Amino acid sequence: MKKAIIAHCWGGYPEYCWYPYAKRELEKKGYEVDVLSFPDTENPNLEKWLPVLKEAVGEPNEDINLIGHSAGSVTILRYLESLDENEKVGTVVLVAGFVNNLGFDELKNFFVKDFEFEKIRNKANKFVLIHSDNDPYVPLEHGNILKEKLSAELIIKHNAKHFSGAFDSEDACLELPDVVNSFD
């Protein structure tokens, strides 16, 4: 059975923002969907988050698809980097993904080494990036860098901010059809 795993953002949780929508809509398409719940979500830590993703995936194969939001995207990139030579997943969708700590000390632990993009690129059949042209946290240049490094499709949404729940005067993003439409 096709499976989709959603890795939430810093401060996120399974019922946050567009995750329930994506789960519901992907289930209609025949996917088994798991929305992760990372430990200590207010203090993102790759050493704590990566094992949760690895356990949810189990044996990597091309029927497993990964969806990441913000820090969840970085967790997915680090996961892909850890795969053995013959391991691969299906589609990877990264929403507001980024390639450095964006100036946040709390995210430095995700970036103790540079990404091995050459390796990561070969660990999925397809990469789709979804970015906003006015994200207050993740500049669009990160989407452009990831597009080049991963040979990915880049979808740029106008005025969509960080695709999050309501905070800092940002309206909640409760539906994100581009995530669902990235899958058969």
N, C-alpha and C. Protein backbone atom coordinates (compact mmCIF):
# COMPACT_ATOMS: atom_id res chain seq x y z
N MET A 1 0.83 -1.19 0.00
CA MET A 1 0.00 0.00 0.00
C MET A 1 0.87 1.25 0.00
N LYS A 2 0.45 2.25 -0.74
CA LYS A 2 1.16 3.53 -0.76
C LYS A 2 0.98 4.21 0.60
N LYS A 3 2.06 4.80 1.07
CA LYS A 3 2.04 5.46 2.38
C LYS A 3 2.63 6.86 2.25
N ALA A 4 2.04 7.80 2.98
CA ALA A 4 2.58 9.15 3.07
C ALA A 4 2.83 9.48 4.54
N ILE A 5 3.97 10.07 4.81
CA ILE A 5 4.34 10.45 6.17
C ILE A 5 4.56 11.95 6.18
N ILE A 6 3.87 12.63 7.09
CA ILE A 6 3.99 14.09 7.22
C ILE A 6 4.84 14.41 8.45
N ALA A 7 5.94 15.13 8.22
CA ALA A 7 6.84 15.57 9.28
C ALA A 7 6.56 17.05 9.56
N HIS A 8 6.04 17.33 10.73
CA HIS A 8 5.58 18.69 11.06
C HIS A 8 6.73 19.67 11.34
N CYS A 9 6.34 20.91 11.45
CA CYS A 9 7.28 22.01 11.67
C CYS A 9 7.63 22.15 13.16
N TRP A 10 8.57 23.04 13.41
CA TRP A 10 8.93 23.46 14.76
C TRP A 10 7.66 24.00 15.40
N GLY A 11 7.27 23.45 16.54
CA GLY A 11 6.06 23.89 17.24
C GLY A 11 4.80 23.24 16.71
N GLY A 12 4.92 22.41 15.68
CA GLY A 12 3.75 21.78 15.08
C GLY A 12 3.32 20.52 15.81
N TYR A 13 2.21 19.95 15.36
CA TYR A 13 1.64 18.73 15.92
C TYR A 13 0.65 18.19 14.89
N PRO A 14 0.20 16.95 15.02
CA PRO A 14 -0.58 16.32 13.95
C PRO A 14 -1.84 17.07 13.51
N GLU A 15 -2.48 17.80 14.39
CA GLU A 15 -3.72 18.50 14.01
C GLU A 15 -3.47 19.95 13.58
N TYR A 16 -2.23 20.33 13.41
CA TYR A 16 -1.84 21.70 13.12
C TYR A 16 -2.04 22.05 11.64
N CYS A 17 -2.40 23.24 11.36
CA CYS A 17 -2.51 23.87 10.04
C CYS A 17 -3.06 22.92 8.97
N TRP A 18 -2.38 22.72 7.87
CA TRP A 18 -2.88 21.96 6.72
C TRP A 18 -2.68 20.45 6.82
N TYR A 19 -2.10 19.96 7.91
CA TYR A 19 -1.82 18.53 8.02
C TYR A 19 -3.10 17.67 8.00
N PRO A 20 -4.16 18.02 8.78
CA PRO A 20 -5.38 17.19 8.71
C PRO A 20 -6.00 17.17 7.31
N TYR A 21 -5.96 18.31 6.62
CA TYR A 21 -6.47 18.38 5.25
C TYR A 21 -5.69 17.43 4.33
N ALA A 22 -4.37 17.52 4.39
CA ALA A 22 -3.54 16.67 3.52
C ALA A 22 -3.77 15.19 3.85
N LYS A 23 -3.87 14.86 5.12
CA LYS A 23 -4.13 13.47 5.53
C LYS A 23 -5.45 12.99 4.94
N ARG A 24 -6.48 13.73 5.14
CA ARG A 24 -7.83 13.37 4.66
C ARG A 24 -7.84 13.20 3.14
N GLU A 25 -7.27 14.16 2.42
CA GLU A 25 -7.31 14.12 0.96
C GLU A 25 -6.43 13.01 0.39
N LEU A 26 -5.30 12.75 1.01
CA LEU A 26 -4.44 11.66 0.53
C LEU A 26 -5.08 10.30 0.83
N GLU A 27 -5.78 10.20 1.95
CA GLU A 27 -6.49 8.95 2.24
C GLU A 27 -7.56 8.69 1.19
N LYS A 28 -8.21 9.74 0.71
CA LYS A 28 -9.20 9.58 -0.38
C LYS A 28 -8.55 9.03 -1.64
N LYS A 29 -7.24 9.31 -1.82
CA LYS A 29 -6.52 8.82 -2.99
C LYS A 29 -5.94 7.42 -2.75
N GLY A 30 -6.24 6.84 -1.60
CA GLY A 30 -5.78 5.48 -1.32
C GLY A 30 -4.48 5.36 -0.54
N TYR A 31 -3.99 6.46 -0.01
CA TYR A 31 -2.76 6.43 0.78
C TYR A 31 -3.07 6.15 2.24
N GLU A 32 -2.18 5.38 2.86
CA GLU A 32 -2.16 5.32 4.32
C GLU A 32 -1.32 6.53 4.75
N VAL A 33 -1.84 7.33 5.67
CA VAL A 33 -1.14 8.57 6.03
C VAL A 33 -0.83 8.59 7.52
N ASP A 34 0.40 8.92 7.84
CA ASP A 34 0.86 9.04 9.21
C ASP A 34 1.38 10.47 9.41
N VAL A 35 0.74 11.21 10.29
CA VAL A 35 1.23 12.55 10.64
C VAL A 35 2.02 12.38 11.94
N LEU A 36 3.31 12.62 11.87
CA LEU A 36 4.18 12.39 13.01
C LEU A 36 3.92 13.37 14.14
N SER A 37 4.36 12.97 15.32
CA SER A 37 4.33 13.84 16.49
C SER A 37 5.73 13.80 17.09
N PHE A 38 6.54 14.77 16.72
CA PHE A 38 7.91 14.80 17.21
C PHE A 38 7.95 15.18 18.68
N PRO A 39 8.90 14.65 19.44
CA PRO A 39 9.01 15.00 20.85
C PRO A 39 9.52 16.43 21.03
N ASP A 40 9.07 17.06 22.10
CA ASP A 40 9.54 18.40 22.48
C ASP A 40 9.55 19.34 21.28
N THR A 41 8.38 19.45 20.65
CA THR A 41 8.24 20.20 19.40
C THR A 41 8.66 21.67 19.51
N GLU A 42 8.61 22.22 20.70
CA GLU A 42 9.03 23.62 20.88
C GLU A 42 10.54 23.77 20.90
N ASN A 43 11.25 22.66 21.02
CA ASN A 43 12.72 22.66 21.03
C ASN A 43 13.21 21.65 20.01
N PRO A 44 13.16 21.99 18.72
CA PRO A 44 13.50 21.02 17.68
C PRO A 44 14.91 20.47 17.84
N ASN A 45 15.00 19.14 17.73
CA ASN A 45 16.28 18.50 17.92
C ASN A 45 16.37 17.31 16.96
N LEU A 46 17.31 17.37 16.04
CA LEU A 46 17.44 16.34 15.03
C LEU A 46 17.67 14.96 15.65
N GLU A 47 18.47 14.88 16.71
CA GLU A 47 18.74 13.59 17.34
C GLU A 47 17.48 12.95 17.93
N LYS A 48 16.49 13.77 18.29
CA LYS A 48 15.22 13.25 18.82
C LYS A 48 14.20 13.04 17.71
N TRP A 49 14.24 13.88 16.69
CA TRP A 49 13.23 13.82 15.63
C TRP A 49 13.53 12.74 14.59
N LEU A 50 14.80 12.57 14.23
CA LEU A 50 15.15 11.62 13.18
C LEU A 50 14.73 10.18 13.50
N PRO A 51 14.93 9.69 14.73
CA PRO A 51 14.48 8.33 15.03
C PRO A 51 12.96 8.14 14.89
N VAL A 52 12.19 9.18 15.16
CA VAL A 52 10.73 9.10 15.00
C VAL A 52 10.38 8.91 13.53
N LEU A 53 11.04 9.65 12.66
CA LEU A 53 10.81 9.50 11.22
C LEU A 53 11.27 8.13 10.74
N LYS A 54 12.45 7.70 11.18
CA LYS A 54 12.96 6.39 10.76
C LYS A 54 12.01 5.27 11.17
N GLU A 55 11.49 5.35 12.38
CA GLU A 55 10.56 4.33 12.85
C GLU A 55 9.27 4.34 12.03
N ALA A 56 8.76 5.52 11.70
CA ALA A 56 7.54 5.62 10.91
C ALA A 56 7.73 5.04 9.50
N VAL A 57 8.89 5.25 8.93
CA VAL A 57 9.17 4.74 7.59
C VAL A 57 9.35 3.22 7.62
N GLY A 58 10.08 2.72 8.59
CA GLY A 58 10.42 1.30 8.60
C GLY A 58 11.40 1.01 7.48
N GLU A 59 11.10 0.00 6.65
CA GLU A 59 11.95 -0.31 5.50
C GLU A 59 11.67 0.68 4.38
N PRO A 60 12.62 1.50 4.01
CA PRO A 60 12.37 2.46 2.93
C PRO A 60 12.09 1.75 1.61
N ASN A 61 11.09 2.23 0.88
CA ASN A 61 10.80 1.71 -0.45
C ASN A 61 10.04 2.78 -1.22
N GLU A 62 9.82 2.54 -2.49
CA GLU A 62 9.26 3.57 -3.36
C GLU A 62 7.75 3.77 -3.19
N ASP A 63 7.12 2.97 -2.33
CA ASP A 63 5.71 3.20 -1.97
C ASP A 63 5.58 4.16 -0.79
N ILE A 64 6.70 4.53 -0.20
CA ILE A 64 6.70 5.46 0.93
C ILE A 64 7.02 6.85 0.39
N ASN A 65 6.17 7.80 0.77
CA ASN A 65 6.30 9.19 0.33
C ASN A 65 6.40 10.08 1.55
N LEU A 66 7.22 11.11 1.46
CA LEU A 66 7.50 11.96 2.61
C LEU A 66 7.09 13.40 2.33
N ILE A 67 6.46 14.01 3.33
CA ILE A 67 6.02 15.39 3.24
C ILE A 67 6.56 16.11 4.47
N GLY A 68 7.31 17.17 4.25
CA GLY A 68 7.88 17.90 5.37
C GLY A 68 7.49 19.36 5.33
N HIS A 69 7.33 19.94 6.50
CA HIS A 69 7.02 21.36 6.62
C HIS A 69 8.11 22.02 7.47
N SER A 70 8.81 22.97 6.91
CA SER A 70 9.82 23.76 7.60
C SER A 70 10.87 22.84 8.22
N ALA A 71 11.02 22.82 9.54
CA ALA A 71 12.03 21.96 10.18
C ALA A 71 11.77 20.49 9.88
N GLY A 72 10.53 20.12 9.64
CA GLY A 72 10.22 18.75 9.21
C GLY A 72 10.86 18.43 7.87
N SER A 73 10.96 19.43 7.00
CA SER A 73 11.63 19.25 5.71
C SER A 73 13.10 18.94 5.90
N VAL A 74 13.72 19.65 6.81
CA VAL A 74 15.14 19.44 7.08
C VAL A 74 15.35 18.05 7.67
N THR A 75 14.43 17.61 8.54
CA THR A 75 14.50 16.27 9.11
C THR A 75 14.44 15.23 7.99
N ILE A 76 13.57 15.44 7.02
CA ILE A 76 13.47 14.52 5.88
C ILE A 76 14.75 14.51 5.06
N LEU A 77 15.32 15.67 4.81
CA LEU A 77 16.58 15.72 4.05
C LEU A 77 17.68 14.95 4.77
N ARG A 78 17.76 15.11 6.09
CA ARG A 78 18.77 14.37 6.87
C ARG A 78 18.48 12.88 6.86
N TYR A 79 17.19 12.51 6.87
CA TYR A 79 16.82 11.10 6.79
C TYR A 79 17.29 10.52 5.45
N LEU A 80 16.98 11.20 4.36
CA LEU A 80 17.37 10.71 3.03
C LEU A 80 18.89 10.55 2.93
N GLU A 81 19.58 11.48 3.55
CA GLU A 81 21.05 11.44 3.55
C GLU A 81 21.56 10.20 4.25
N SER A 82 20.80 9.67 5.20
CA SER A 82 21.24 8.52 5.99
C SER A 82 20.96 7.17 5.33
N LEU A 83 20.22 7.16 4.23
CA LEU A 83 19.84 5.90 3.60
C LEU A 83 21.04 5.20 2.96
N ASP A 84 20.95 3.88 2.94
CA ASP A 84 21.99 3.08 2.29
C ASP A 84 21.90 3.26 0.78
N GLU A 85 22.94 2.81 0.09
CA GLU A 85 23.06 3.02 -1.35
C GLU A 85 21.85 2.50 -2.14
N ASN A 86 21.30 1.37 -1.74
CA ASN A 86 20.21 0.76 -2.50
C ASN A 86 18.81 1.13 -1.98
N GLU A 87 18.73 2.05 -1.03
CA GLU A 87 17.44 2.45 -0.46
C GLU A 87 16.93 3.74 -1.11
N LYS A 88 15.60 3.79 -1.31
CA LYS A 88 15.00 4.93 -1.99
C LYS A 88 13.53 5.01 -1.60
N VAL A 89 12.97 6.23 -1.62
CA VAL A 89 11.54 6.44 -1.38
C VAL A 89 10.91 6.98 -2.66
N GLY A 90 9.58 7.16 -2.63
CA GLY A 90 8.85 7.66 -3.80
C GLY A 90 8.98 9.16 -3.94
N THR A 91 7.90 9.87 -3.67
CA THR A 91 7.86 11.32 -3.81
C THR A 91 8.18 11.99 -2.47
N VAL A 92 8.92 13.08 -2.54
CA VAL A 92 9.22 13.90 -1.36
C VAL A 92 8.72 15.31 -1.65
N VAL A 93 7.84 15.82 -0.78
CA VAL A 93 7.33 17.19 -0.89
C VAL A 93 7.85 17.97 0.31
N LEU A 94 8.52 19.07 0.04
CA LEU A 94 9.07 19.92 1.09
C LEU A 94 8.38 21.27 1.03
N VAL A 95 7.70 21.62 2.11
CA VAL A 95 6.99 22.89 2.22
C VAL A 95 7.83 23.82 3.09
N ALA A 96 8.26 24.94 2.53
CA ALA A 96 9.09 25.91 3.26
C ALA A 96 10.36 25.26 3.80
N GLY A 97 11.00 24.46 2.95
CA GLY A 97 12.26 23.84 3.34
C GLY A 97 13.40 24.85 3.29
N PHE A 98 14.49 24.54 3.98
CA PHE A 98 15.60 25.48 4.01
C PHE A 98 16.92 24.74 4.16
N VAL A 99 18.02 25.46 3.92
CA VAL A 99 19.34 24.83 3.83
C VAL A 99 20.35 25.31 4.88
N ASN A 100 19.93 26.19 5.78
CA ASN A 100 20.79 26.59 6.90
C ASN A 100 19.89 26.95 8.09
N ASN A 101 20.46 27.37 9.20
CA ASN A 101 19.66 27.57 10.42
C ASN A 101 18.86 28.87 10.43
N LEU A 102 18.86 29.61 9.35
CA LEU A 102 18.05 30.83 9.22
C LEU A 102 18.29 31.85 10.33
N GLY A 103 19.42 31.71 11.03
CA GLY A 103 19.74 32.62 12.11
C GLY A 103 19.15 32.22 13.46
N PHE A 104 18.52 31.06 13.53
CA PHE A 104 17.92 30.58 14.79
C PHE A 104 18.87 29.61 15.48
N ASP A 105 19.32 29.96 16.69
CA ASP A 105 20.19 29.06 17.45
C ASP A 105 19.53 27.70 17.67
N GLU A 106 18.21 27.70 17.82
CA GLU A 106 17.47 26.46 18.09
C GLU A 106 17.58 25.45 16.95
N LEU A 107 17.95 25.91 15.76
CA LEU A 107 18.04 25.02 14.60
C LEU A 107 19.47 24.61 14.25
N LYS A 108 20.45 25.13 14.98
CA LYS A 108 21.84 24.83 14.65
C LYS A 108 22.14 23.34 14.68
N ASN A 109 21.44 22.59 15.56
CA ASN A 109 21.73 21.15 15.67
C ASN A 109 21.35 20.37 14.41
N PHE A 110 20.54 20.94 13.54
CA PHE A 110 20.19 20.31 12.27
C PHE A 110 21.28 20.52 11.21
N PHE A 111 22.20 21.44 11.49
CA PHE A 111 23.18 21.86 10.48
C PHE A 111 24.62 21.77 10.96
N VAL A 112 24.94 20.72 11.72
CA VAL A 112 26.31 20.56 12.18
C VAL A 112 27.25 20.17 11.04
N LYS A 113 26.67 19.73 9.93
CA LYS A 113 27.45 19.45 8.72
C LYS A 113 26.63 19.88 7.52
N ASP A 114 27.32 20.06 6.39
CA ASP A 114 26.64 20.43 5.16
C ASP A 114 25.82 19.24 4.65
N PHE A 115 24.78 19.54 3.89
CA PHE A 115 24.00 18.50 3.25
C PHE A 115 24.82 17.81 2.17
N GLU A 116 24.59 16.52 2.00
CA GLU A 116 25.18 15.76 0.90
C GLU A 116 24.12 15.67 -0.20
N PHE A 117 23.93 16.77 -0.92
CA PHE A 117 22.84 16.85 -1.90
C PHE A 117 22.98 15.82 -3.01
N GLU A 118 24.19 15.51 -3.41
CA GLU A 118 24.40 14.50 -4.46
C GLU A 118 23.78 13.17 -4.04
N LYS A 119 23.97 12.82 -2.79
CA LYS A 119 23.41 11.58 -2.26
C LYS A 119 21.88 11.70 -2.10
N ILE A 120 21.44 12.81 -1.52
CA ILE A 120 20.00 13.01 -1.26
C ILE A 120 19.19 12.94 -2.55
N ARG A 121 19.68 13.58 -3.59
CA ARG A 121 18.95 13.67 -4.87
C ARG A 121 18.57 12.29 -5.41
N ASN A 122 19.39 11.29 -5.15
CA ASN A 122 19.15 9.95 -5.67
C ASN A 122 18.30 9.08 -4.75
N LYS A 123 17.82 9.64 -3.66
CA LYS A 123 17.08 8.86 -2.67
C LYS A 123 15.57 8.99 -2.79
N ALA A 124 15.09 9.68 -3.82
CA ALA A 124 13.65 9.81 -4.07
C ALA A 124 13.42 9.83 -5.58
N ASN A 125 12.25 9.37 -5.98
CA ASN A 125 11.89 9.40 -7.40
C ASN A 125 11.58 10.82 -7.86
N LYS A 126 11.06 11.63 -6.94
CA LYS A 126 10.63 12.98 -7.33
C LYS A 126 10.67 13.88 -6.10
N PHE A 127 11.11 15.11 -6.31
CA PHE A 127 11.08 16.14 -5.27
C PHE A 127 10.18 17.29 -5.73
N VAL A 128 9.29 17.72 -4.85
CA VAL A 128 8.45 18.89 -5.10
C VAL A 128 8.67 19.86 -3.95
N LEU A 129 8.92 21.10 -4.27
CA LEU A 129 9.14 22.15 -3.27
C LEU A 129 7.99 23.14 -3.35
N ILE A 130 7.46 23.52 -2.20
CA ILE A 130 6.41 24.52 -2.15
C ILE A 130 6.90 25.65 -1.25
N HIS A 131 7.00 26.84 -1.83
CA HIS A 131 7.49 28.01 -1.09
C HIS A 131 6.57 29.19 -1.33
N SER A 132 6.63 30.13 -0.41
CA SER A 132 5.86 31.36 -0.54
C SER A 132 6.79 32.52 -0.87
N ASP A 133 6.27 33.45 -1.62
CA ASP A 133 7.08 34.62 -1.98
C ASP A 133 7.14 35.66 -0.86
N ASN A 134 6.45 35.41 0.26
CA ASN A 134 6.54 36.36 1.38
C ASN A 134 6.65 35.64 2.73
N ASP A 135 7.33 34.50 2.74
CA ASP A 135 7.53 33.76 3.99
C ASP A 135 8.39 34.61 4.92
N PRO A 136 7.91 34.90 6.14
CA PRO A 136 8.68 35.75 7.05
C PRO A 136 9.88 35.04 7.68
N TYR A 137 9.96 33.72 7.53
CA TYR A 137 11.04 32.95 8.16
C TYR A 137 11.99 32.32 7.15
N VAL A 138 11.45 31.86 6.03
CA VAL A 138 12.25 31.14 5.04
C VAL A 138 12.25 31.91 3.73
N PRO A 139 13.33 32.64 3.44
CA PRO A 139 13.40 33.38 2.19
C PRO A 139 13.28 32.44 0.98
N LEU A 140 12.69 32.95 -0.09
CA LEU A 140 12.47 32.17 -1.31
C LEU A 140 13.77 31.61 -1.89
N GLU A 141 14.89 32.25 -1.61
CA GLU A 141 16.17 31.76 -2.14
C GLU A 141 16.43 30.31 -1.72
N HIS A 142 15.88 29.88 -0.57
CA HIS A 142 16.06 28.49 -0.14
C HIS A 142 15.35 27.54 -1.09
N GLY A 143 14.20 27.93 -1.60
CA GLY A 143 13.50 27.13 -2.60
C GLY A 143 14.32 27.02 -3.87
N ASN A 144 14.92 28.12 -4.27
CA ASN A 144 15.74 28.11 -5.49
C ASN A 144 16.99 27.25 -5.32
N ILE A 145 17.61 27.31 -4.15
CA ILE A 145 18.78 26.47 -3.88
C ILE A 145 18.38 24.99 -3.90
N LEU A 146 17.30 24.66 -3.22
CA LEU A 146 16.86 23.26 -3.18
C LEU A 146 16.43 22.77 -4.57
N LYS A 147 15.82 23.64 -5.35
CA LYS A 147 15.43 23.26 -6.71
C LYS A 147 16.66 22.84 -7.51
N GLU A 148 17.70 23.64 -7.43
CA GLU A 148 18.93 23.34 -8.16
C GLU A 148 19.61 22.09 -7.62
N LYS A 149 19.75 22.00 -6.31
CA LYS A 149 20.51 20.90 -5.70
C LYS A 149 19.80 19.55 -5.83
N LEU A 150 18.45 19.57 -5.86
CA LEU A 150 17.69 18.31 -5.88
C LEU A 150 17.04 18.03 -7.23
N SER A 151 17.27 18.89 -8.19
CA SER A 151 16.57 18.77 -9.49
C SER A 151 15.07 18.66 -9.26
N ALA A 152 14.55 19.56 -8.45
CA ALA A 152 13.17 19.50 -7.97
C ALA A 152 12.25 20.44 -8.74
N GLU A 153 10.98 20.15 -8.65
CA GLU A 153 9.94 21.07 -9.12
C GLU A 153 9.70 22.08 -8.01
N LEU A 154 9.66 23.36 -8.35
CA LEU A 154 9.42 24.42 -7.36
C LEU A 154 8.09 25.09 -7.66
N ILE A 155 7.20 25.05 -6.67
CA ILE A 155 5.91 25.73 -6.75
C ILE A 155 6.00 26.95 -5.84
N ILE A 156 5.80 28.13 -6.40
CA ILE A 156 5.86 29.36 -5.62
C ILE A 156 4.44 29.88 -5.44
N LYS A 157 4.02 29.97 -4.19
CA LYS A 157 2.69 30.48 -3.85
C LYS A 157 2.82 31.97 -3.52
N HIS A 158 1.87 32.75 -4.00
CA HIS A 158 1.89 34.18 -3.74
C HIS A 158 1.20 34.49 -2.41
N ASN A 159 1.93 35.22 -1.56
CA ASN A 159 1.37 35.75 -0.32
C ASN A 159 0.86 34.65 0.63
N ALA A 160 1.55 33.52 0.68
CA ALA A 160 1.12 32.40 1.53
C ALA A 160 1.89 32.32 2.84
N LYS A 161 2.80 33.23 3.06
CA LYS A 161 3.62 33.29 4.28
C LYS A 161 4.29 31.94 4.56
N HIS A 162 4.15 31.39 5.79
CA HIS A 162 4.90 30.19 6.18
C HIS A 162 4.04 28.92 6.17
N PHE A 163 2.83 29.00 5.62
CA PHE A 163 1.93 27.84 5.52
C PHE A 163 1.63 27.24 6.90
N SER A 164 1.49 28.10 7.90
CA SER A 164 1.37 27.64 9.29
C SER A 164 -0.02 27.86 9.84
N GLY A 165 -0.13 27.56 11.12
CA GLY A 165 -1.33 27.90 11.88
C GLY A 165 -1.31 29.38 12.18
N ALA A 166 -2.38 29.87 12.76
CA ALA A 166 -2.48 31.30 13.05
C ALA A 166 -1.50 31.68 14.17
N PHE A 167 -0.56 32.55 13.85
CA PHE A 167 0.32 33.16 14.84
C PHE A 167 1.00 34.36 14.20
N ASP A 168 1.51 35.25 15.04
CA ASP A 168 2.19 36.45 14.56
C ASP A 168 1.40 37.14 13.45
N SER A 169 0.11 37.29 13.65
CA SER A 169 -0.82 37.95 12.73
C SER A 169 -0.93 37.24 11.38
N GLU A 170 -0.50 36.01 11.31
CA GLU A 170 -0.61 35.22 10.09
C GLU A 170 -1.88 34.39 10.15
N ASP A 171 -2.69 34.45 9.11
CA ASP A 171 -3.87 33.59 9.04
C ASP A 171 -3.43 32.15 8.94
N ALA A 172 -4.23 31.25 9.50
CA ALA A 172 -3.92 29.83 9.43
C ALA A 172 -4.05 29.32 8.00
N CYS A 173 -3.11 28.50 7.60
CA CYS A 173 -3.17 27.81 6.31
C CYS A 173 -3.77 26.44 6.59
N LEU A 174 -5.06 26.28 6.30
CA LEU A 174 -5.76 25.05 6.65
C LEU A 174 -5.88 24.07 5.49
N GLU A 175 -5.60 24.54 4.28
CA GLU A 175 -5.63 23.68 3.10
C GLU A 175 -4.43 24.01 2.23
N LEU A 176 -3.81 22.99 1.71
CA LEU A 176 -2.67 23.19 0.81
C LEU A 176 -2.76 22.14 -0.31
N PRO A 177 -3.65 22.39 -1.29
CA PRO A 177 -3.88 21.42 -2.36
C PRO A 177 -2.62 21.02 -3.12
N ASP A 178 -1.63 21.91 -3.20
CA ASP A 178 -0.41 21.58 -3.94
C ASP A 178 0.30 20.35 -3.35
N VAL A 179 0.18 20.16 -2.05
CA VAL A 179 0.77 18.96 -1.43
C VAL A 179 0.07 17.73 -1.98
N VAL A 180 -1.25 17.71 -1.90
CA VAL A 180 -2.05 16.56 -2.33
C VAL A 180 -1.87 16.33 -3.83
N ASN A 181 -1.85 17.38 -4.60
CA ASN A 181 -1.74 17.26 -6.06
C ASN A 181 -0.37 16.79 -6.53
N SER A 182 0.58 16.71 -5.62
CA SER A 182 1.92 16.22 -5.96
C SER A 182 1.96 14.70 -6.06
N PHE A 183 0.85 14.05 -5.69
CA PHE A 183 0.76 12.59 -5.68
C PHE A 183 -0.28 12.10 -6.65
N ASP A 184 -0.10 10.87 -7.15
CA ASP A 184 -1.06 10.24 -8.07
C ASP A 184 -2.40 10.07 -7.41
